[in-house]
Amino acid sequence: MPKRVLCGTVVKAGSNKTVKVSVLHVYQDRLYKKVIKKYKKYAAHDEHNFYQEGDKVLIQEHKPISATKKWIVINKAN
């Protein structure tokens, strides 16, 4: 099974080797047909502390690195 890849924006880069990435999920309600935007934050592993707040990045599923980190940063998104 392929690993999921999500695109998001770095919202916090203060911790060592960890960034918080906010991912936007847009979908339409089945019953009322209203377009809904939902944001979710993921803790992702950044080995070299390369990414700063405001960077658009791609994150990929990974085996658990810590209690909250189950994603790694692949690279910058365009």
PDB file of N, CA and C in Angstrom:
ATOM      1  N   MET A   1       0.842  -1.177   0.000  1.00  0.00           N
ATOM      2  CA  MET A   1       0.000   0.000   0.000  1.00  0.00           C
ATOM      3  C   MET A   1       0.885   1.239   0.000  1.00  0.00           C
ATOM      4  N   PRO A   2       0.642   2.193  -0.909  1.00  0.00           N
ATOM      5  CA  PRO A   2       1.478   3.394  -0.953  1.00  0.00           C
ATOM      6  C   PRO A   2       1.220   4.301   0.245  1.00  0.00           C
ATOM      7  N   LYS A   3       2.250   5.052   0.597  1.00  0.00           N
ATOM      8  CA  LYS A   3       2.137   5.966   1.725  1.00  0.00           C
ATOM      9  C   LYS A   3       1.457   7.251   1.269  1.00  0.00           C
ATOM     10  N   ARG A   4       0.647   7.831   2.157  1.00  0.00           N
ATOM     11  CA  ARG A   4      -0.055   9.067   1.815  1.00  0.00           C
ATOM     12  C   ARG A   4       0.912  10.235   1.774  1.00  0.00           C
ATOM     13  N   VAL A   5       0.668  11.159   0.847  1.00  0.00           N
ATOM     14  CA  VAL A   5       1.456  12.380   0.741  1.00  0.00           C
ATOM     15  C   VAL A   5       0.477  13.547   0.800  1.00  0.00           C
ATOM     16  N   LEU A   6       0.736  14.507   1.702  1.00  0.00           N
ATOM     17  CA  LEU A   6      -0.118  15.669   1.871  1.00  0.00           C
ATOM     18  C   LEU A   6       0.687  16.947   1.644  1.00  0.00           C
ATOM     19  N   CYS A   7       0.005  17.980   1.183  1.00  0.00           N
ATOM     20  CA  CYS A   7       0.644  19.279   0.973  1.00  0.00           C
ATOM     21  C   CYS A   7       0.093  20.247   2.005  1.00  0.00           C
ATOM     22  N   GLY A   8       0.987  21.001   2.648  1.00  0.00           N
ATOM     23  CA  GLY A   8       0.545  21.932   3.675  1.00  0.00           C
ATOM     24  C   GLY A   8       1.540  23.045   3.900  1.00  0.00           C
ATOM     25  N   THR A   9       1.248  23.894   4.869  1.00  0.00           N
ATOM     26  CA  THR A   9       2.072  25.046   5.202  1.00  0.00           C
ATOM     27  C   THR A   9       2.628  24.886   6.606  1.00  0.00           C
ATOM     28  N   VAL A  10       3.910  25.185   6.772  1.00  0.00           N
ATOM     29  CA  VAL A  10       4.543  25.115   8.087  1.00  0.00           C
ATOM     30  C   VAL A  10       4.012  26.272   8.934  1.00  0.00           C
ATOM     31  N   VAL A  11       3.417  25.966  10.091  1.00  0.00           N
ATOM     32  CA  VAL A  11       2.869  26.999  10.963  1.00  0.00           C
ATOM     33  C   VAL A  11       3.710  27.198  12.217  1.00  0.00           C
ATOM     34  N   LYS A  12       4.565  26.217  12.554  1.00  0.00           N
ATOM     35  CA  LYS A  12       5.433  26.350  13.719  1.00  0.00           C
ATOM     36  C   LYS A  12       6.707  25.556  13.471  1.00  0.00           C
ATOM     37  N   ALA A  13       7.842  26.207  13.679  1.00  0.00           N
ATOM     38  CA  ALA A  13       9.125  25.542  13.439  1.00  0.00           C
ATOM     39  C   ALA A  13      10.068  25.764  14.608  1.00  0.00           C
ATOM     40  N   GLY A  14       9.549  25.894  15.811  1.00  0.00           N
ATOM     41  CA  GLY A  14      10.375  26.218  16.963  1.00  0.00           C
ATOM     42  C   GLY A  14      11.103  25.041  17.580  1.00  0.00           C
ATOM     43  N   SER A  15      10.529  23.858  17.490  1.00  0.00           N
ATOM     44  CA  SER A  15      11.127  22.687  18.126  1.00  0.00           C
ATOM     45  C   SER A  15      12.283  22.138  17.304  1.00  0.00           C
ATOM     46  N   ASN A  16      13.160  21.388  17.961  1.00  0.00           N
ATOM     47  CA  ASN A  16      14.299  20.788  17.284  1.00  0.00           C
ATOM     48  C   ASN A  16      13.846  19.569  16.479  1.00  0.00           C
ATOM     49  N   LYS A  17      14.120  19.564  15.176  1.00  0.00           N
ATOM     50  CA  LYS A  17      13.800  18.476  14.246  1.00  0.00           C
ATOM     51  C   LYS A  17      12.308  18.209  14.090  1.00  0.00           C
ATOM     52  N   THR A  18      11.466  19.154  14.462  1.00  0.00           N
ATOM     53  CA  THR A  18      10.021  18.991  14.343  1.00  0.00           C
ATOM     54  C   THR A  18       9.397  20.267  13.794  1.00  0.00           C
ATOM     55  N   VAL A  19       8.450  20.120  12.873  1.00  0.00           N
ATOM     56  CA  VAL A  19       7.668  21.239  12.379  1.00  0.00           C
ATOM     57  C   VAL A  19       6.191  20.861  12.464  1.00  0.00           C
ATOM     58  N   LYS A  20       5.355  21.860  12.673  1.00  0.00           N
ATOM     59  CA  LYS A  20       3.909  21.661  12.640  1.00  0.00           C
ATOM     60  C   LYS A  20       3.428  22.112  11.273  1.00  0.00           C
ATOM     61  N   VAL A  21       2.708  21.242  10.576  1.00  0.00           N
ATOM     62  CA  VAL A  21       2.238  21.522   9.233  1.00  0.00           C
ATOM     63  C   VAL A  21       0.718  21.532   9.241  1.00  0.00           C
ATOM     64  N   SER A  22       0.132  22.622   8.720  1.00  0.00           N
ATOM     65  CA  SER A  22      -1.314  22.754   8.624  1.00  0.00           C
ATOM     66  C   SER A  22      -1.745  22.352   7.213  1.00  0.00           C
ATOM     67  N   VAL A  23      -2.653  21.368   7.138  1.00  0.00           N
ATOM     68  CA  VAL A  23      -3.113  20.847   5.851  1.00  0.00           C
ATOM     69  C   VAL A  23      -4.595  21.203   5.683  1.00  0.00           C
ATOM     70  N   LEU A  24      -4.932  21.766   4.518  1.00  0.00           N
ATOM     71  CA  LEU A  24      -6.305  22.156   4.198  1.00  0.00           C
ATOM     72  C   LEU A  24      -6.989  21.013   3.464  1.00  0.00           C
ATOM     73  N   HIS A  25      -8.187  20.661   3.917  1.00  0.00           N
ATOM     74  CA  HIS A  25      -9.001  19.630   3.275  1.00  0.00           C
ATOM     75  C   HIS A  25     -10.328  20.276   2.898  1.00  0.00           C
ATOM     76  N   VAL A  26     -10.621  20.342   1.601  1.00  0.00           N
ATOM     77  CA  VAL A  26     -11.852  20.960   1.106  1.00  0.00           C
ATOM     78  C   VAL A  26     -12.769  19.856   0.592  1.00  0.00           C
ATOM     79  N   TYR A  27     -14.007  19.856   1.075  1.00  0.00           N
ATOM     80  CA  TYR A  27     -14.960  18.861   0.614  1.00  0.00           C
ATOM     81  C   TYR A  27     -16.363  19.447   0.624  1.00  0.00           C
ATOM     82  N   GLN A  28     -17.302  18.746  -0.019  1.00  0.00           N
ATOM     83  CA  GLN A  28     -18.680  19.204  -0.092  1.00  0.00           C
ATOM     84  C   GLN A  28     -19.553  18.316   0.774  1.00  0.00           C
ATOM     85  N   ASP A  29     -20.421  18.943   1.571  1.00  0.00           N
ATOM     86  CA  ASP A  29     -21.338  18.192   2.411  1.00  0.00           C
ATOM     87  C   ASP A  29     -22.289  17.382   1.535  1.00  0.00           C
ATOM     88  N   ARG A  30     -22.485  16.119   1.899  1.00  0.00           N
ATOM     89  CA  ARG A  30     -23.309  15.237   1.075  1.00  0.00           C
ATOM     90  C   ARG A  30     -24.772  15.672   1.005  1.00  0.00           C
ATOM     91  N   LEU A  31     -25.305  16.104   2.134  1.00  0.00           N
ATOM     92  CA  LEU A  31     -26.725  16.437   2.188  1.00  0.00           C
ATOM     93  C   LEU A  31     -27.003  17.859   1.709  1.00  0.00           C
ATOM     94  N   TYR A  32     -26.258  18.839   2.238  1.00  0.00           N
ATOM     95  CA  TYR A  32     -26.577  20.241   1.975  1.00  0.00           C
ATOM     96  C   TYR A  32     -25.766  20.853   0.845  1.00  0.00           C
ATOM     97  N   LYS A  33     -24.786  20.122   0.319  1.00  0.00           N
ATOM     98  CA  LYS A  33     -23.969  20.559  -0.818  1.00  0.00           C
ATOM     99  C   LYS A  33     -23.159  21.817  -0.526  1.00  0.00           C
ATOM    100  N   LYS A  34     -22.906  22.097   0.749  1.00  0.00           N
ATOM    101  CA  LYS A  34     -22.105  23.254   1.122  1.00  0.00           C
ATOM    102  C   LYS A  34     -20.632  22.867   1.096  1.00  0.00           C
ATOM    103  N   VAL A  35     -19.809  23.758   0.559  1.00  0.00           N
ATOM    104  CA  VAL A  35     -18.373  23.522   0.505  1.00  0.00           C
ATOM    105  C   VAL A  35     -17.779  23.850   1.873  1.00  0.00           C
ATOM    106  N   ILE A  36     -17.028  22.899   2.434  1.00  0.00           N
ATOM    107  CA  ILE A  36     -16.479  23.040   3.781  1.00  0.00           C
ATOM    108  C   ILE A  36     -14.962  22.966   3.711  1.00  0.00           C
ATOM    109  N   LYS A  37     -14.288  23.892   4.410  1.00  0.00           N
ATOM    110  CA  LYS A  37     -12.837  23.875   4.532  1.00  0.00           C
ATOM    111  C   LYS A  37     -12.483  23.426   5.940  1.00  0.00           C
ATOM    112  N   LYS A  38     -11.618  22.430   6.026  1.00  0.00           N
ATOM    113  CA  LYS A  38     -11.204  21.927   7.328  1.00  0.00           C
ATOM    114  C   LYS A  38      -9.674  21.885   7.367  1.00  0.00           C
ATOM    115  N   TYR A  39      -9.101  22.458   8.422  1.00  0.00           N
ATOM    116  CA  TYR A  39      -7.653  22.444   8.609  1.00  0.00           C
ATOM    117  C   TYR A  39      -7.291  21.420   9.678  1.00  0.00           C
ATOM    118  N   LYS A  40      -6.174  20.719   9.461  1.00  0.00           N
ATOM    119  CA  LYS A  40      -5.668  19.803  10.470  1.00  0.00           C
ATOM    120  C   LYS A  40      -4.164  19.987  10.556  1.00  0.00           C
ATOM    121  N   LYS A  41      -3.629  19.966  11.781  1.00  0.00           N
ATOM    122  CA  LYS A  41      -2.193  20.143  11.987  1.00  0.00           C
ATOM    123  C   LYS A  41      -1.529  18.789  12.236  1.00  0.00           C
ATOM    124  N   TYR A  42      -0.399  18.586  11.579  1.00  0.00           N
ATOM    125  CA  TYR A  42       0.384  17.371  11.745  1.00  0.00           C
ATOM    126  C   TYR A  42       1.775  17.739  12.230  1.00  0.00           C
ATOM    127  N   ALA A  43       2.317  16.951  13.151  1.00  0.00           N
ATOM    128  CA  ALA A  43       3.710  17.106  13.566  1.00  0.00           C
ATOM    129  C   ALA A  43       4.544  16.257  12.617  1.00  0.00           C
ATOM    130  N   ALA A  44       5.527  16.885  11.958  1.00  0.00           N
ATOM    131  CA  ALA A  44       6.342  16.183  10.968  1.00  0.00           C
ATOM    132  C   ALA A  44       7.814  16.295  11.335  1.00  0.00           C
ATOM    133  N   HIS A  45       8.580  15.283  10.963  1.00  0.00           N
ATOM    134  CA  HIS A  45      10.006  15.213  11.268  1.00  0.00           C
ATOM    135  C   HIS A  45      10.805  15.966  10.207  1.00  0.00           C
ATOM    136  N   ASP A  46      11.630  16.919  10.648  1.00  0.00           N
ATOM    137  CA  ASP A  46      12.511  17.705   9.774  1.00  0.00           C
ATOM    138  C   ASP A  46      13.933  17.502  10.290  1.00  0.00           C
ATOM    139  N   GLU A  47      14.657  16.575   9.692  1.00  0.00           N
ATOM    140  CA  GLU A  47      15.952  16.121  10.213  1.00  0.00           C
ATOM    141  C   GLU A  47      16.969  17.244  10.383  1.00  0.00           C
ATOM    142  N   HIS A  48      17.048  18.171   9.437  1.00  0.00           N
ATOM    143  CA  HIS A  48      18.110  19.181   9.452  1.00  0.00           C
ATOM    144  C   HIS A  48      17.620  20.585   9.823  1.00  0.00           C
ATOM    145  N   ASN A  49      16.411  20.708  10.360  1.00  0.00           N
ATOM    146  CA  ASN A  49      15.835  22.013  10.737  1.00  0.00           C
ATOM    147  C   ASN A  49      15.910  23.002   9.579  1.00  0.00           C
ATOM    148  N   PHE A  50      15.563  22.542   8.389  1.00  0.00           N
ATOM    149  CA  PHE A  50      15.689  23.336   7.176  1.00  0.00           C
ATOM    150  C   PHE A  50      14.487  24.244   6.926  1.00  0.00           C
ATOM    151  N   TYR A  51      13.295  23.820   7.299  1.00  0.00           N
ATOM    152  CA  TYR A  51      12.070  24.531   6.932  1.00  0.00           C
ATOM    153  C   TYR A  51      11.677  25.557   7.985  1.00  0.00           C
ATOM    154  N   GLN A  52      11.179  26.700   7.504  1.00  0.00           N
ATOM    155  CA  GLN A  52      10.767  27.815   8.358  1.00  0.00           C
ATOM    156  C   GLN A  52       9.260  28.016   8.247  1.00  0.00           C
ATOM    157  N   GLU A  53       8.708  28.843   9.119  1.00  0.00           N
ATOM    158  CA  GLU A  53       7.283  29.140   9.091  1.00  0.00           C
ATOM    159  C   GLU A  53       6.918  29.797   7.768  1.00  0.00           C
ATOM    160  N   GLY A  54       5.782  29.373   7.205  1.00  0.00           N
ATOM    161  CA  GLY A  54       5.305  29.927   5.946  1.00  0.00           C
ATOM    162  C   GLY A  54       5.705  29.117   4.722  1.00  0.00           C
ATOM    163  N   ASP A  55       6.611  28.155   4.855  1.00  0.00           N
ATOM    164  CA  ASP A  55       7.024  27.326   3.722  1.00  0.00           C
ATOM    165  C   ASP A  55       5.924  26.325   3.372  1.00  0.00           C
ATOM    166  N   LYS A  56       5.702  26.145   2.067  1.00  0.00           N
ATOM    167  CA  LYS A  56       4.788  25.096   1.613  1.00  0.00           C
ATOM    168  C   LYS A  56       5.601  23.825   1.448  1.00  0.00           C
ATOM    169  N   VAL A  57       5.166  22.743   2.085  1.00  0.00           N
ATOM    170  CA  VAL A  57       5.938  21.502   2.083  1.00  0.00           C
ATOM    171  C   VAL A  57       5.045  20.306   1.763  1.00  0.00           C
ATOM    172  N   LEU A  58       5.688  19.215   1.366  1.00  0.00           N
ATOM    173  CA  LEU A  58       5.026  17.932   1.184  1.00  0.00           C
ATOM    174  C   LEU A  58       5.437  17.038   2.341  1.00  0.00           C
ATOM    175  N   ILE A  59       4.450  16.397   2.984  1.00  0.00           N
ATOM    176  CA  ILE A  59       4.749  15.467   4.068  1.00  0.00           C
ATOM    177  C   ILE A  59       4.252  14.084   3.674  1.00  0.00           C
ATOM    178  N   GLN A  60       4.948  13.057   4.173  1.00  0.00           N
ATOM    179  CA  GLN A  60       4.621  11.680   3.829  1.00  0.00           C
ATOM    180  C   GLN A  60       4.483  10.847   5.090  1.00  0.00           C
ATOM    181  N   GLU A  61       3.569   9.887   5.063  1.00  0.00           N
ATOM    182  CA  GLU A  61       3.404   8.967   6.189  1.00  0.00           C
ATOM    183  C   GLU A  61       4.699   8.217   6.449  1.00  0.00           C
ATOM    184  N   HIS A  62       4.947   7.915   7.714  1.00  0.00           N
ATOM    185  CA  HIS A  62       6.181   7.235   8.093  1.00  0.00           C
ATOM    186  C   HIS A  62       5.892   6.423   9.348  1.00  0.00           C
ATOM    187  N   LYS A  63       6.761   5.483   9.656  1.00  0.00           N
ATOM    188  CA  LYS A  63       6.582   4.752  10.903  1.00  0.00           C
ATOM    189  C   LYS A  63       6.725   5.733  12.068  1.00  0.00           C
ATOM    190  N   PRO A  64       6.108   5.487  13.212  1.00  0.00           N
ATOM    191  CA  PRO A  64       6.164   6.439  14.323  1.00  0.00           C
ATOM    192  C   PRO A  64       7.592   6.751  14.767  1.00  0.00           C
ATOM    193  N   ILE A  65       7.888   8.055  14.812  1.00  0.00           N
ATOM    194  CA  ILE A  65       9.204   8.529  15.235  1.00  0.00           C
ATOM    195  C   ILE A  65       9.158   8.873  16.720  1.00  0.00           C
ATOM    196  N   SER A  66       8.029   9.405  17.155  1.00  0.00           N
ATOM    197  CA  SER A  66       7.804   9.687  18.571  1.00  0.00           C
ATOM    198  C   SER A  66       6.309   9.491  18.840  1.00  0.00           C
ATOM    199  N   ALA A  67       5.856   9.944  19.990  1.00  0.00           N
ATOM    200  CA  ALA A  67       4.448   9.760  20.344  1.00  0.00           C
ATOM    201  C   ALA A  67       3.509  10.512  19.409  1.00  0.00           C
ATOM    202  N   THR A  68       3.942  11.668  18.888  1.00  0.00           N
ATOM    203  CA  THR A  68       3.069  12.471  18.029  1.00  0.00           C
ATOM    204  C   THR A  68       3.529  12.535  16.578  1.00  0.00           C
ATOM    205  N   LYS A  69       4.785  12.231  16.300  1.00  0.00           N
ATOM    206  CA  LYS A  69       5.304  12.359  14.935  1.00  0.00           C
ATOM    207  C   LYS A  69       5.175  11.046  14.167  1.00  0.00           C
ATOM    208  N   LYS A  70       4.328  11.080  13.154  1.00  0.00           N
ATOM    209  CA  LYS A  70       4.144   9.934  12.274  1.00  0.00           C
ATOM    210  C   LYS A  70       4.256  10.353  10.816  1.00  0.00           C
ATOM    211  N   TRP A  71       4.814  11.534  10.572  1.00  0.00           N
ATOM    212  CA  TRP A  71       4.990  12.091   9.229  1.00  0.00           C
ATOM    213  C   TRP A  71       6.412  12.626   9.108  1.00  0.00           C
ATOM    214  N   ILE A  72       6.939  12.622   7.881  1.00  0.00           N
ATOM    215  CA  ILE A  72       8.240  13.229   7.612  1.00  0.00           C
ATOM    216  C   ILE A  72       8.074  14.237   6.473  1.00  0.00           C
ATOM    217  N   VAL A  73       8.909  15.268   6.481  1.00  0.00           N
ATOM    218  CA  VAL A  73       8.871  16.267   5.422  1.00  0.00           C
ATOM    219  C   VAL A  73       9.709  15.749   4.258  1.00  0.00           C
ATOM    220  N   ILE A  74       9.110  15.723   3.062  1.00  0.00           N
ATOM    221  CA  ILE A  74       9.824  15.250   1.881  1.00  0.00           C
ATOM    222  C   ILE A  74      10.622  16.392   1.254  1.00  0.00           C
ATOM    223  N   ASN A  75       9.902  17.440   0.814  1.00  0.00           N
ATOM    224  CA  ASN A  75      10.552  18.596   0.201  1.00  0.00           C
ATOM    225  C   ASN A  75       9.569  19.747   0.107  1.00  0.00           C
ATOM    226  N   LYS A  76      10.034  20.871  -0.444  1.00  0.00           N
ATOM    227  CA  LYS A  76       9.170  22.027  -0.627  1.00  0.00           C
ATOM    228  C   LYS A  76       8.207  21.778  -1.762  1.00  0.00           C
ATOM    229  N   ALA A  77       6.995  22.300  -1.636  1.00  0.00           N
ATOM    230  CA  ALA A  77       5.993  22.202  -2.703  1.00  0.00           C
ATOM    231  C   ALA A  77       6.055  23.484  -3.525  1.00  0.00           C
ATOM    232  N   ASN A  78       5.626  23.378  -4.752  1.00  0.00           N
ATOM    233  CA  ASN A  78       5.633  24.567  -5.629  1.00  0.00           C
ATOM    234  C   ASN A  78       4.390  25.372  -5.464  1.00  0.00           C
TER     235      ASN A  78
END
